[in-house]
Amino acid sequence: MPAILLLGLVLGMRHACEADHLAAIAALSTGQRRPLVIVLRGIAWGLGHTSALLGAGVVSLGLGFAMPREAYLDKGIGVMLAALGVAVLWRMGPRERHHHHGEARPRRGDDGPEPSRPRWRIDWKAAGVGTLHGLAGSAPLMLMVASTMTSRVMGLVYIGVFGLGSIVGMALLSMAIVLPVDRSARRFAGAYVAMEWMVALGTILIGIRMLR
């Protein structure tokens, strides 16, 4: 049993690195260059994702209700990703207009000037995105695996371990995103803006692809 739980942890970490998850957290992280804040957003995504899986597990394993994989949920993810990409472009617009008119460019932060200390609070937007990802992509397959466990309790434990892996994986992925971007932005003029364009367009394209 420990080997199965360890496998669940590893699979959860790998699951966090899927393309649609990467696109979502990258889009959510634009406009913010504080590593800790971005990592906290990744953790919030993982918490929402895990909450969705555990909620579906309680309903399915406890009540014997089979959760089908619905195509419209995946399409909902596509719409959400496209909207996140458009939101990135929308936020970039005012900054670029200020820049081209020779005005001082505002600091890149979602909520105006950044506080002197990071605020330790849950990013509910990131948590909501993670919840939708959990319901749309992972829940049916995860419940199928959990139902093969020796008991319902162990099934829920497996889901929880998988979810913990997704939290850790997304936190590491968020750190992997922000550190290279921050370093390149410090060395090369316009690198951060170029990266924002790539994130926005990439997120929109992935979203459109999921709508097909």
C-alpha atoms as a PDB file:
ATOM      1  CA  MET A   1       0.000   0.000   0.000  1.00  0.00           C
ATOM      2  CA  PRO A   2       2.768   2.580   0.720  1.00  0.00           C
ATOM      3  CA  ALA A   3       4.081   2.009  -2.806  1.00  0.00           C
ATOM      4  CA  ILE A   4       0.650   2.778  -4.262  1.00  0.00           C
ATOM      5  CA  LEU A   5       0.390   5.970  -2.218  1.00  0.00           C
ATOM      6  CA  LEU A   6       3.881   7.017  -3.302  1.00  0.00           C
ATOM      7  CA  LEU A   7       2.867   6.399  -6.898  1.00  0.00           C
ATOM      8  CA  GLY A   8      -0.194   8.572  -6.345  1.00  0.00           C
ATOM      9  CA  LEU A   9       2.030  11.374  -5.019  1.00  0.00           C
ATOM     10  CA  VAL A  10       4.334  11.179  -8.044  1.00  0.00           C
ATOM     11  CA  LEU A  11       1.403  11.038 -10.473  1.00  0.00           C
ATOM     12  CA  GLY A  12      -0.112  14.082  -8.787  1.00  0.00           C
ATOM     13  CA  MET A  13       3.108  16.034  -9.265  1.00  0.00           C
ATOM     14  CA  ARG A  14       3.265  14.960 -12.902  1.00  0.00           C
ATOM     15  CA  HIS A  15      -0.390  15.834 -13.400  1.00  0.00           C
ATOM     16  CA  ALA A  16       0.275  19.434 -12.344  1.00  0.00           C
ATOM     17  CA  CYS A  17       2.622  19.849 -15.325  1.00  0.00           C
ATOM     18  CA  GLU A  18       0.013  19.229 -18.023  1.00  0.00           C
ATOM     19  CA  ALA A  19      -0.223  21.882 -20.729  1.00  0.00           C
ATOM     20  CA  ASP A  20      -3.585  23.353 -19.711  1.00  0.00           C
ATOM     21  CA  HIS A  21      -2.486  23.604 -16.077  1.00  0.00           C
ATOM     22  CA  LEU A  22       0.781  25.273 -17.074  1.00  0.00           C
ATOM     23  CA  ALA A  23      -1.079  27.749 -19.270  1.00  0.00           C
ATOM     24  CA  ALA A  24      -3.523  28.610 -16.498  1.00  0.00           C
ATOM     25  CA  ILE A  25      -0.937  29.281 -13.806  1.00  0.00           C
ATOM     26  CA  ALA A  26       1.299  31.199 -16.232  1.00  0.00           C
ATOM     27  CA  ALA A  27      -1.605  33.454 -17.213  1.00  0.00           C
ATOM     28  CA  LEU A  28      -2.555  33.979 -13.582  1.00  0.00           C
ATOM     29  CA  SER A  29       1.036  34.876 -12.736  1.00  0.00           C
ATOM     30  CA  THR A  30       1.521  37.622 -15.325  1.00  0.00           C
ATOM     31  CA  GLY A  31       1.682  41.118 -13.904  1.00  0.00           C
ATOM     32  CA  GLN A  32       3.319  39.835 -10.733  1.00  0.00           C
ATOM     33  CA  ARG A  33       7.060  39.328 -10.272  1.00  0.00           C
ATOM     34  CA  ARG A  34       7.270  38.482  -6.583  1.00  0.00           C
ATOM     35  CA  PRO A  35       8.277  34.805  -6.426  1.00  0.00           C
ATOM     36  CA  LEU A  36       6.511  34.112  -3.139  1.00  0.00           C
ATOM     37  CA  VAL A  37       3.204  35.520  -4.380  1.00  0.00           C
ATOM     38  CA  ILE A  38       3.357  33.407  -7.537  1.00  0.00           C
ATOM     39  CA  VAL A  39       4.211  30.254  -5.585  1.00  0.00           C
ATOM     40  CA  LEU A  40       1.269  30.948  -3.270  1.00  0.00           C
ATOM     41  CA  ARG A  41      -0.966  31.175  -6.325  1.00  0.00           C
ATOM     42  CA  GLY A  42       0.280  27.787  -7.457  1.00  0.00           C
ATOM     43  CA  ILE A  43      -0.493  26.365  -4.029  1.00  0.00           C
ATOM     44  CA  ALA A  44      -3.978  27.924  -4.158  1.00  0.00           C
ATOM     45  CA  TRP A  45      -4.551  26.253  -7.551  1.00  0.00           C
ATOM     46  CA  GLY A  46      -3.490  22.937  -6.032  1.00  0.00           C
ATOM     47  CA  LEU A  47      -5.782  23.381  -3.031  1.00  0.00           C
ATOM     48  CA  GLY A  48      -8.758  24.061  -5.279  1.00  0.00           C
ATOM     49  CA  HIS A  49      -7.849  21.090  -7.454  1.00  0.00           C
ATOM     50  CA  THR A  50      -7.540  18.792  -4.444  1.00  0.00           C
ATOM     51  CA  SER A  51     -10.785  20.045  -2.902  1.00  0.00           C
ATOM     52  CA  ALA A  52     -12.635  19.191  -6.113  1.00  0.00           C
ATOM     53  CA  LEU A  53     -11.155  15.692  -6.187  1.00  0.00           C
ATOM     54  CA  LEU A  54     -11.937  15.010  -2.527  1.00  0.00           C
ATOM     55  CA  GLY A  55     -15.458  16.366  -2.865  1.00  0.00           C
ATOM     56  CA  ALA A  56     -16.112  14.167  -5.879  1.00  0.00           C
ATOM     57  CA  GLY A  57     -14.541  11.237  -4.024  1.00  0.00           C
ATOM     58  CA  VAL A  58     -16.824  11.606  -1.010  1.00  0.00           C
ATOM     59  CA  VAL A  59     -19.891  11.704  -3.253  1.00  0.00           C
ATOM     60  CA  SER A  60     -18.783   8.877  -5.503  1.00  0.00           C
ATOM     61  CA  LEU A  61     -17.223   6.470  -2.992  1.00  0.00           C
ATOM     62  CA  GLY A  62     -19.636   7.264  -0.202  1.00  0.00           C
ATOM     63  CA  LEU A  63     -22.857   7.204  -2.201  1.00  0.00           C
ATOM     64  CA  GLY A  64     -21.811   4.892  -5.004  1.00  0.00           C
ATOM     65  CA  PHE A  65     -22.465   7.568  -7.617  1.00  0.00           C
ATOM     66  CA  ALA A  66     -20.353   7.159 -10.749  1.00  0.00           C
ATOM     67  CA  MET A  67     -19.086  10.504 -11.994  1.00  0.00           C
ATOM     68  CA  PRO A  68     -19.012  10.537 -15.803  1.00  0.00           C
ATOM     69  CA  ARG A  69     -16.488  12.508 -17.802  1.00  0.00           C
ATOM     70  CA  GLU A  70     -18.505  15.168 -19.568  1.00  0.00           C
ATOM     71  CA  ALA A  71     -17.177  16.849 -22.703  1.00  0.00           C
ATOM     72  CA  TYR A  72     -18.786  20.169 -21.793  1.00  0.00           C
ATOM     73  CA  LEU A  73     -16.584  20.411 -18.712  1.00  0.00           C
ATOM     74  CA  ASP A  74     -13.467  20.170 -20.867  1.00  0.00           C
ATOM     75  CA  LYS A  75     -14.915  22.819 -23.173  1.00  0.00           C
ATOM     76  CA  GLY A  76     -15.495  24.956 -20.102  1.00  0.00           C
ATOM     77  CA  ILE A  77     -11.772  24.709 -19.385  1.00  0.00           C
ATOM     78  CA  GLY A  78     -11.116  25.864 -22.956  1.00  0.00           C
ATOM     79  CA  VAL A  79     -13.343  28.905 -22.526  1.00  0.00           C
ATOM     80  CA  MET A  80     -11.685  29.718 -19.204  1.00  0.00           C
ATOM     81  CA  LEU A  81      -8.168  29.509 -20.668  1.00  0.00           C
ATOM     82  CA  ALA A  82      -9.095  31.705 -23.627  1.00  0.00           C
ATOM     83  CA  ALA A  83     -10.581  34.241 -21.186  1.00  0.00           C
ATOM     84  CA  LEU A  84      -7.418  34.188 -19.051  1.00  0.00           C
ATOM     85  CA  GLY A  85      -5.294  34.858 -22.132  1.00  0.00           C
ATOM     86  CA  VAL A  86      -7.513  37.757 -23.202  1.00  0.00           C
ATOM     87  CA  ALA A  87      -7.332  39.141 -19.651  1.00  0.00           C
ATOM     88  CA  VAL A  88      -3.529  39.160 -19.865  1.00  0.00           C
ATOM     89  CA  LEU A  89      -3.676  41.173 -23.103  1.00  0.00           C
ATOM     90  CA  TRP A  90      -6.213  43.535 -21.518  1.00  0.00           C
ATOM     91  CA  ARG A  91      -3.914  44.200 -18.555  1.00  0.00           C
ATOM     92  CA  MET A  92      -0.963  44.797 -20.866  1.00  0.00           C
ATOM     93  CA  GLY A  93      -2.785  47.457 -22.883  1.00  0.00           C
ATOM     94  CA  PRO A  94      -2.653  50.366 -20.399  1.00  0.00           C
ATOM     95  CA  ARG A  95       0.996  49.652 -19.552  1.00  0.00           C
ATOM     96  CA  GLU A  96       2.017  49.695 -23.203  1.00  0.00           C
ATOM     97  CA  ARG A  97       0.094  52.912 -23.859  1.00  0.00           C
ATOM     98  CA  HIS A  98       1.857  54.586 -20.911  1.00  0.00           C
ATOM     99  CA  HIS A  99       5.179  53.323 -22.197  1.00  0.00           C
ATOM    100  CA  HIS A 100       4.716  54.587 -25.761  1.00  0.00           C
ATOM    101  CA  HIS A 101       3.656  58.025 -24.532  1.00  0.00           C
ATOM    102  CA  GLY A 102       6.843  58.339 -22.495  1.00  0.00           C
ATOM    103  CA  GLU A 103       5.129  58.177 -19.135  1.00  0.00           C
ATOM    104  CA  ALA A 104       6.528  56.309 -16.199  1.00  0.00           C
ATOM    105  CA  ARG A 105       5.526  52.682 -16.387  1.00  0.00           C
ATOM    106  CA  PRO A 106       3.681  51.398 -13.343  1.00  0.00           C
ATOM    107  CA  ARG A 107       5.149  48.586 -11.310  1.00  0.00           C
ATOM    108  CA  ARG A 108       3.976  45.216 -12.436  1.00  0.00           C
ATOM    109  CA  GLY A 109       1.502  44.187  -9.794  1.00  0.00           C
ATOM    110  CA  ASP A 110      -2.097  43.091  -9.930  1.00  0.00           C
ATOM    111  CA  ASP A 111      -3.269  45.362  -7.152  1.00  0.00           C
ATOM    112  CA  GLY A 112      -1.250  48.530  -7.650  1.00  0.00           C
ATOM    113  CA  PRO A 113       1.887  49.194  -5.611  1.00  0.00           C
ATOM    114  CA  GLU A 114       3.131  46.044  -3.961  1.00  0.00           C
ATOM    115  CA  PRO A 115       3.036  45.901  -0.163  1.00  0.00           C
ATOM    116  CA  SER A 116       6.272  45.817   1.791  1.00  0.00           C
ATOM    117  CA  ARG A 117       5.438  42.325   3.016  1.00  0.00           C
ATOM    118  CA  PRO A 118       3.738  39.488   1.124  1.00  0.00           C
ATOM    119  CA  ARG A 119       0.146  38.869   2.132  1.00  0.00           C
ATOM    120  CA  TRP A 120      -0.392  35.301   3.279  1.00  0.00           C
ATOM    121  CA  ARG A 121      -3.873  34.738   1.945  1.00  0.00           C
ATOM    122  CA  ILE A 122      -5.556  32.356  -0.439  1.00  0.00           C
ATOM    123  CA  ASP A 123      -5.836  33.545  -4.020  1.00  0.00           C
ATOM    124  CA  TRP A 124      -9.470  32.593  -4.608  1.00  0.00           C
ATOM    125  CA  LYS A 125      -9.246  33.145  -8.342  1.00  0.00           C
ATOM    126  CA  ALA A 126      -6.410  30.631  -8.647  1.00  0.00           C
ATOM    127  CA  ALA A 127      -8.258  28.247  -6.316  1.00  0.00           C
ATOM    128  CA  GLY A 128     -11.377  28.503  -8.482  1.00  0.00           C
ATOM    129  CA  VAL A 129      -9.378  27.737 -11.622  1.00  0.00           C
ATOM    130  CA  GLY A 130      -7.863  24.706  -9.894  1.00  0.00           C
ATOM    131  CA  THR A 131     -11.303  23.519  -8.786  1.00  0.00           C
ATOM    132  CA  LEU A 132     -12.626  23.634 -12.331  1.00  0.00           C
ATOM    133  CA  HIS A 133      -9.562  21.757 -13.560  1.00  0.00           C
ATOM    134  CA  GLY A 134     -10.131  19.085 -10.922  1.00  0.00           C
ATOM    135  CA  LEU A 135     -13.769  18.546 -11.837  1.00  0.00           C
ATOM    136  CA  ALA A 136     -13.206  18.595 -15.581  1.00  0.00           C
ATOM    137  CA  GLY A 137     -10.078  16.582 -16.150  1.00  0.00           C
ATOM    138  CA  SER A 138      -9.022  14.528 -13.170  1.00  0.00           C
ATOM    139  CA  ALA A 139     -12.021  13.468 -11.129  1.00  0.00           C
ATOM    140  CA  PRO A 140     -13.491  10.647 -13.264  1.00  0.00           C
ATOM    141  CA  LEU A 141     -10.151   8.906 -13.811  1.00  0.00           C
ATOM    142  CA  MET A 142      -9.035   9.417 -10.226  1.00  0.00           C
ATOM    143  CA  LEU A 143     -12.288   8.002  -8.857  1.00  0.00           C
ATOM    144  CA  MET A 144     -11.899   4.965 -11.077  1.00  0.00           C
ATOM    145  CA  VAL A 145      -8.480   4.283  -9.556  1.00  0.00           C
ATOM    146  CA  ALA A 146      -9.654   5.049  -6.013  1.00  0.00           C
ATOM    147  CA  SER A 147     -12.565   2.608  -6.348  1.00  0.00           C
ATOM    148  CA  THR A 148     -10.081  -0.262  -6.753  1.00  0.00           C
ATOM    149  CA  MET A 149      -8.605   0.320  -3.278  1.00  0.00           C
ATOM    150  CA  THR A 150      -9.240  -2.097  -0.432  1.00  0.00           C
ATOM    151  CA  SER A 151     -11.659   0.304   1.293  1.00  0.00           C
ATOM    152  CA  ARG A 152     -13.407   3.607   0.769  1.00  0.00           C
ATOM    153  CA  VAL A 153     -11.167   5.237   3.336  1.00  0.00           C
ATOM    154  CA  MET A 154      -8.052   4.138   1.473  1.00  0.00           C
ATOM    155  CA  GLY A 155      -9.625   5.379  -1.734  1.00  0.00           C
ATOM    156  CA  LEU A 156     -10.033   8.829  -0.210  1.00  0.00           C
ATOM    157  CA  VAL A 157      -6.493   8.680   1.191  1.00  0.00           C
ATOM    158  CA  TYR A 158      -5.199   7.916  -2.305  1.00  0.00           C
ATOM    159  CA  ILE A 159      -7.098  10.883  -3.724  1.00  0.00           C
ATOM    160  CA  GLY A 160      -5.698  13.097  -0.965  1.00  0.00           C
ATOM    161  CA  VAL A 161      -2.123  11.951  -1.637  1.00  0.00           C
ATOM    162  CA  PHE A 162      -2.608  12.549  -5.366  1.00  0.00           C
ATOM    163  CA  GLY A 163      -3.941  16.009  -4.558  1.00  0.00           C
ATOM    164  CA  LEU A 164      -0.954  16.704  -2.293  1.00  0.00           C
ATOM    165  CA  GLY A 165       1.299  15.795  -5.198  1.00  0.00           C
ATOM    166  CA  SER A 166      -0.548  18.245  -7.431  1.00  0.00           C
ATOM    167  CA  ILE A 167      -0.108  21.011  -4.829  1.00  0.00           C
ATOM    168  CA  VAL A 168       3.633  20.360  -4.546  1.00  0.00           C
ATOM    169  CA  GLY A 169       3.974  20.013  -8.316  1.00  0.00           C
ATOM    170  CA  MET A 170       2.168  23.267  -9.016  1.00  0.00           C
ATOM    171  CA  ALA A 171       4.202  25.135  -6.388  1.00  0.00           C
ATOM    172  CA  LEU A 172       7.428  23.892  -8.006  1.00  0.00           C
ATOM    173  CA  LEU A 173       6.074  24.678 -11.460  1.00  0.00           C
ATOM    174  CA  SER A 174       5.200  28.225 -10.380  1.00  0.00           C
ATOM    175  CA  MET A 175       8.727  28.696  -9.070  1.00  0.00           C
ATOM    176  CA  ALA A 176      10.165  27.324 -12.314  1.00  0.00           C
ATOM    177  CA  ILE A 177       8.096  29.873 -14.231  1.00  0.00           C
ATOM    178  CA  VAL A 178       8.922  32.970 -12.235  1.00  0.00           C
ATOM    179  CA  LEU A 179      12.660  32.621 -11.605  1.00  0.00           C
ATOM    180  CA  PRO A 180      13.874  32.502 -15.256  1.00  0.00           C
ATOM    181  CA  VAL A 181      11.403  35.197 -16.263  1.00  0.00           C
ATOM    182  CA  ASP A 182      12.478  37.501 -13.458  1.00  0.00           C
ATOM    183  CA  ARG A 183      16.172  37.046 -14.236  1.00  0.00           C
ATOM    184  CA  SER A 184      15.705  37.652 -17.955  1.00  0.00           C
ATOM    185  CA  ALA A 185      13.593  40.736 -17.249  1.00  0.00           C
ATOM    186  CA  ARG A 186      16.390  42.183 -15.135  1.00  0.00           C
ATOM    187  CA  ARG A 187      18.988  41.634 -17.869  1.00  0.00           C
ATOM    188  CA  PHE A 188      17.148  42.309 -21.110  1.00  0.00           C
ATOM    189  CA  ALA A 189      14.873  45.272 -21.815  1.00  0.00           C
ATOM    190  CA  GLY A 190      11.442  44.198 -23.012  1.00  0.00           C
ATOM    191  CA  ALA A 191      11.967  40.532 -22.077  1.00  0.00           C
ATOM    192  CA  TYR A 192       9.136  40.558 -19.563  1.00  0.00           C
ATOM    193  CA  VAL A 193       6.691  42.114 -22.020  1.00  0.00           C
ATOM    194  CA  ALA A 194       7.660  39.582 -24.690  1.00  0.00           C
ATOM    195  CA  MET A 195       7.079  36.767 -22.207  1.00  0.00           C
ATOM    196  CA  GLU A 196       3.659  38.164 -21.362  1.00  0.00           C
ATOM    197  CA  TRP A 197       2.730  38.150 -25.060  1.00  0.00           C
ATOM    198  CA  MET A 198       3.846  34.535 -25.363  1.00  0.00           C
ATOM    199  CA  VAL A 199       1.846  33.502 -22.302  1.00  0.00           C
ATOM    200  CA  ALA A 200      -1.297  35.322 -23.445  1.00  0.00           C
ATOM    201  CA  LEU A 201      -1.276  33.970 -26.998  1.00  0.00           C
ATOM    202  CA  GLY A 202      -0.264  30.475 -25.896  1.00  0.00           C
ATOM    203  CA  THR A 203      -3.075  30.333 -23.333  1.00  0.00           C
ATOM    204  CA  ILE A 204      -5.630  31.480 -25.894  1.00  0.00           C
ATOM    205  CA  LEU A 205      -4.451  28.885 -28.430  1.00  0.00           C
ATOM    206  CA  ILE A 206      -4.601  26.045 -25.896  1.00  0.00           C
ATOM    207  CA  GLY A 207      -8.084  27.158 -24.897  1.00  0.00           C
ATOM    208  CA  ILE A 208      -9.268  27.212 -28.523  1.00  0.00           C
ATOM    209  CA  ARG A 209      -7.784  23.777 -29.090  1.00  0.00           C
ATOM    210  CA  MET A 210      -9.762  22.359 -26.150  1.00  0.00           C
ATOM    211  CA  LEU A 211     -12.978  23.724 -27.659  1.00  0.00           C
ATOM    212  CA  ARG A 212     -12.663  21.515 -30.749  1.00  0.00           C
END
